[in-house]
PDB file of N, CA and C in Angstrom:
ATOM      1  N   MET A   1       0.853  -1.180   0.000  1.00  0.00           N
ATOM      2  CA  MET A   1       0.000   0.000   0.000  1.00  0.00           C
ATOM      3  C   MET A   1       0.896   1.238   0.000  1.00  0.00           C
ATOM      4  N   ASP A   2       0.657   2.127  -0.935  1.00  0.00           N
ATOM      5  CA  ASP A   2       1.438   3.357  -0.967  1.00  0.00           C
ATOM      6  C   ASP A   2       0.637   4.504  -0.328  1.00  0.00           C
ATOM      7  N   LEU A   3       1.249   5.674  -0.257  1.00  0.00           N
ATOM      8  CA  LEU A   3       0.613   6.799   0.432  1.00  0.00           C
ATOM      9  C   LEU A   3      -0.664   7.270  -0.245  1.00  0.00           C
ATOM     10  N   LYS A   4      -0.712   7.188  -1.572  1.00  0.00           N
ATOM     11  CA  LYS A   4      -1.930   7.602  -2.274  1.00  0.00           C
ATOM     12  C   LYS A   4      -3.096   6.685  -1.913  1.00  0.00           C
ATOM     13  N   GLN A   5      -2.852   5.395  -1.882  1.00  0.00           N
ATOM     14  CA  GLN A   5      -3.902   4.445  -1.515  1.00  0.00           C
ATOM     15  C   GLN A   5      -4.354   4.667  -0.075  1.00  0.00           C
ATOM     16  N   LEU A   6      -3.414   4.946   0.808  1.00  0.00           N
ATOM     17  CA  LEU A   6      -3.753   5.210   2.204  1.00  0.00           C
ATOM     18  C   LEU A   6      -4.589   6.477   2.329  1.00  0.00           C
ATOM     19  N   ARG A   7      -4.223   7.517   1.596  1.00  0.00           N
ATOM     20  CA  ARG A   7      -4.983   8.772   1.612  1.00  0.00           C
ATOM     21  C   ARG A   7      -6.399   8.539   1.091  1.00  0.00           C
ATOM     22  N   TYR A   8      -6.539   7.751   0.035  1.00  0.00           N
ATOM     23  CA  TYR A   8      -7.869   7.439  -0.501  1.00  0.00           C
ATOM     24  C   TYR A   8      -8.689   6.632   0.504  1.00  0.00           C
ATOM     25  N   PHE A   9      -8.053   5.658   1.167  1.00  0.00           N
ATOM     26  CA  PHE A   9      -8.754   4.850   2.159  1.00  0.00           C
ATOM     27  C   PHE A   9      -9.261   5.719   3.309  1.00  0.00           C
ATOM     28  N   ILE A  10      -8.415   6.610   3.792  1.00  0.00           N
ATOM     29  CA  ILE A  10      -8.822   7.512   4.875  1.00  0.00           C
ATOM     30  C   ILE A  10      -9.944   8.429   4.401  1.00  0.00           C
ATOM     31  N   GLY A  11      -9.870   8.886   3.167  1.00  0.00           N
ATOM     32  CA  GLY A  11     -10.934   9.720   2.606  1.00  0.00           C
ATOM     33  C   GLY A  11     -12.263   8.991   2.554  1.00  0.00           C
ATOM     34  N   ILE A  12     -12.238   7.717   2.180  1.00  0.00           N
ATOM     35  CA  ILE A  12     -13.467   6.913   2.143  1.00  0.00           C
ATOM     36  C   ILE A  12     -14.029   6.750   3.550  1.00  0.00           C
ATOM     37  N   CYS A  13     -13.159   6.497   4.515  1.00  0.00           N
ATOM     38  CA  CYS A  13     -13.618   6.365   5.903  1.00  0.00           C
ATOM     39  C   CYS A  13     -14.210   7.675   6.405  1.00  0.00           C
ATOM     40  N   ASP A  14     -13.568   8.790   6.111  1.00  0.00           N
ATOM     41  CA  ASP A  14     -14.062  10.096   6.562  1.00  0.00           C
ATOM     42  C   ASP A  14     -15.389  10.452   5.904  1.00  0.00           C
ATOM     43  N   ALA A  15     -15.492  10.214   4.603  1.00  0.00           N
ATOM     44  CA  ALA A  15     -16.690  10.606   3.860  1.00  0.00           C
ATOM     45  C   ALA A  15     -17.836   9.616   4.051  1.00  0.00           C
ATOM     46  N   GLY A  16     -17.516   8.379   4.348  1.00  0.00           N
ATOM     47  CA  GLY A  16     -18.546   7.367   4.542  1.00  0.00           C
ATOM     48  C   GLY A  16     -18.997   6.678   3.272  1.00  0.00           C
ATOM     49  N   SER A  17     -18.474   7.106   2.131  1.00  0.00           N
ATOM     50  CA  SER A  17     -18.813   6.470   0.859  1.00  0.00           C
ATOM     51  C   SER A  17     -17.722   6.772  -0.159  1.00  0.00           C
ATOM     52  N   ILE A  18     -17.675   5.951  -1.188  1.00  0.00           N
ATOM     53  CA  ILE A  18     -16.687   6.170  -2.246  1.00  0.00           C
ATOM     54  C   ILE A  18     -17.030   7.433  -3.027  1.00  0.00           C
ATOM     55  N   THR A  19     -18.310   7.642  -3.283  1.00  0.00           N
ATOM     56  CA  THR A  19     -18.728   8.838  -4.022  1.00  0.00           C
ATOM     57  C   THR A  19     -18.374  10.103  -3.251  1.00  0.00           C
ATOM     58  N   GLY A  20     -18.666  10.114  -1.969  1.00  0.00           N
ATOM     59  CA  GLY A  20     -18.337  11.273  -1.139  1.00  0.00           C
ATOM     60  C   GLY A  20     -16.844  11.504  -1.054  1.00  0.00           C
ATOM     61  N   ALA A  21     -16.083  10.419  -0.958  1.00  0.00           N
ATOM     62  CA  ALA A  21     -14.633  10.537  -0.896  1.00  0.00           C
ATOM     63  C   ALA A  21     -14.074  11.075  -2.207  1.00  0.00           C
ATOM     64  N   ALA A  22     -14.637  10.652  -3.321  1.00  0.00           N
ATOM     65  CA  ALA A  22     -14.174  11.148  -4.618  1.00  0.00           C
ATOM     66  C   ALA A  22     -14.359  12.660  -4.705  1.00  0.00           C
ATOM     67  N   LYS A  23     -15.500  13.151  -4.246  1.00  0.00           N
ATOM     68  CA  LYS A  23     -15.732  14.600  -4.241  1.00  0.00           C
ATOM     69  C   LYS A  23     -14.772  15.294  -3.290  1.00  0.00           C
ATOM     70  N   LEU A  24     -14.572  14.714  -2.114  1.00  0.00           N
ATOM     71  CA  LEU A  24     -13.692  15.290  -1.105  1.00  0.00           C
ATOM     72  C   LEU A  24     -12.245  15.358  -1.592  1.00  0.00           C
ATOM     73  N   LEU A  25     -11.802  14.309  -2.267  1.00  0.00           N
ATOM     74  CA  LEU A  25     -10.413  14.212  -2.704  1.00  0.00           C
ATOM     75  C   LEU A  25     -10.167  14.822  -4.084  1.00  0.00           C
ATOM     76  N   GLY A  26     -11.241  15.129  -4.794  1.00  0.00           N
ATOM     77  CA  GLY A  26     -11.093  15.730  -6.114  1.00  0.00           C
ATOM     78  C   GLY A  26     -10.656  14.753  -7.183  1.00  0.00           C
ATOM     79  N   VAL A  27     -11.097  13.502  -7.073  1.00  0.00           N
ATOM     80  CA  VAL A  27     -10.781  12.496  -8.088  1.00  0.00           C
ATOM     81  C   VAL A  27     -12.080  11.897  -8.612  1.00  0.00           C
ATOM     82  N   ALA A  28     -11.995  11.225  -9.740  1.00  0.00           N
ATOM     83  CA  ALA A  28     -13.174  10.582 -10.311  1.00  0.00           C
ATOM     84  C   ALA A  28     -13.526   9.338  -9.502  1.00  0.00           C
ATOM     85  N   GLN A  29     -14.803   9.078  -9.354  1.00  0.00           N
ATOM     86  CA  GLN A  29     -15.265   7.933  -8.567  1.00  0.00           C
ATOM     87  C   GLN A  29     -14.760   6.599  -9.128  1.00  0.00           C
ATOM     88  N   PRO A  30     -14.778   6.380 -10.451  1.00  0.00           N
ATOM     89  CA  PRO A  30     -14.257   5.101 -10.957  1.00  0.00           C
ATOM     90  C   PRO A  30     -12.771   4.889 -10.640  1.00  0.00           C
ATOM     91  N   ALA A  31     -11.991   5.964 -10.673  1.00  0.00           N
ATOM     92  CA  ALA A  31     -10.565   5.841 -10.351  1.00  0.00           C
ATOM     93  C   ALA A  31     -10.373   5.454  -8.893  1.00  0.00           C
ATOM     94  N   LEU A  32     -11.220   5.983  -8.042  1.00  0.00           N
ATOM     95  CA  LEU A  32     -11.115   5.690  -6.615  1.00  0.00           C
ATOM     96  C   LEU A  32     -11.566   4.268  -6.305  1.00  0.00           C
ATOM     97  N   SER A  33     -12.605   3.795  -6.961  1.00  0.00           N
ATOM     98  CA  SER A  33     -13.106   2.455  -6.650  1.00  0.00           C
ATOM     99  C   SER A  33     -12.230   1.347  -7.235  1.00  0.00           C
ATOM    100  N   LYS A  34     -11.339   1.660  -8.168  1.00  0.00           N
ATOM    101  CA  LYS A  34     -10.422   0.643  -8.699  1.00  0.00           C
ATOM    102  C   LYS A  34      -9.382   0.228  -7.668  1.00  0.00           C
ATOM    103  N   LEU A  35      -9.112   1.092  -6.713  1.00  0.00           N
ATOM    104  CA  LEU A  35      -8.113   0.761  -5.698  1.00  0.00           C
ATOM    105  C   LEU A  35      -8.734  -0.179  -4.729  1.00  0.00           C
TER     106      LEU A  35
END
């Protein structure tokens, strides 16, 4: 696991959903769910 994956994981936990985390992190939802 690299730092980007860890940051995305924490974002998902904070936001409560992949969609919310994608908005929070400024990335596309499909890119986030591939990890």
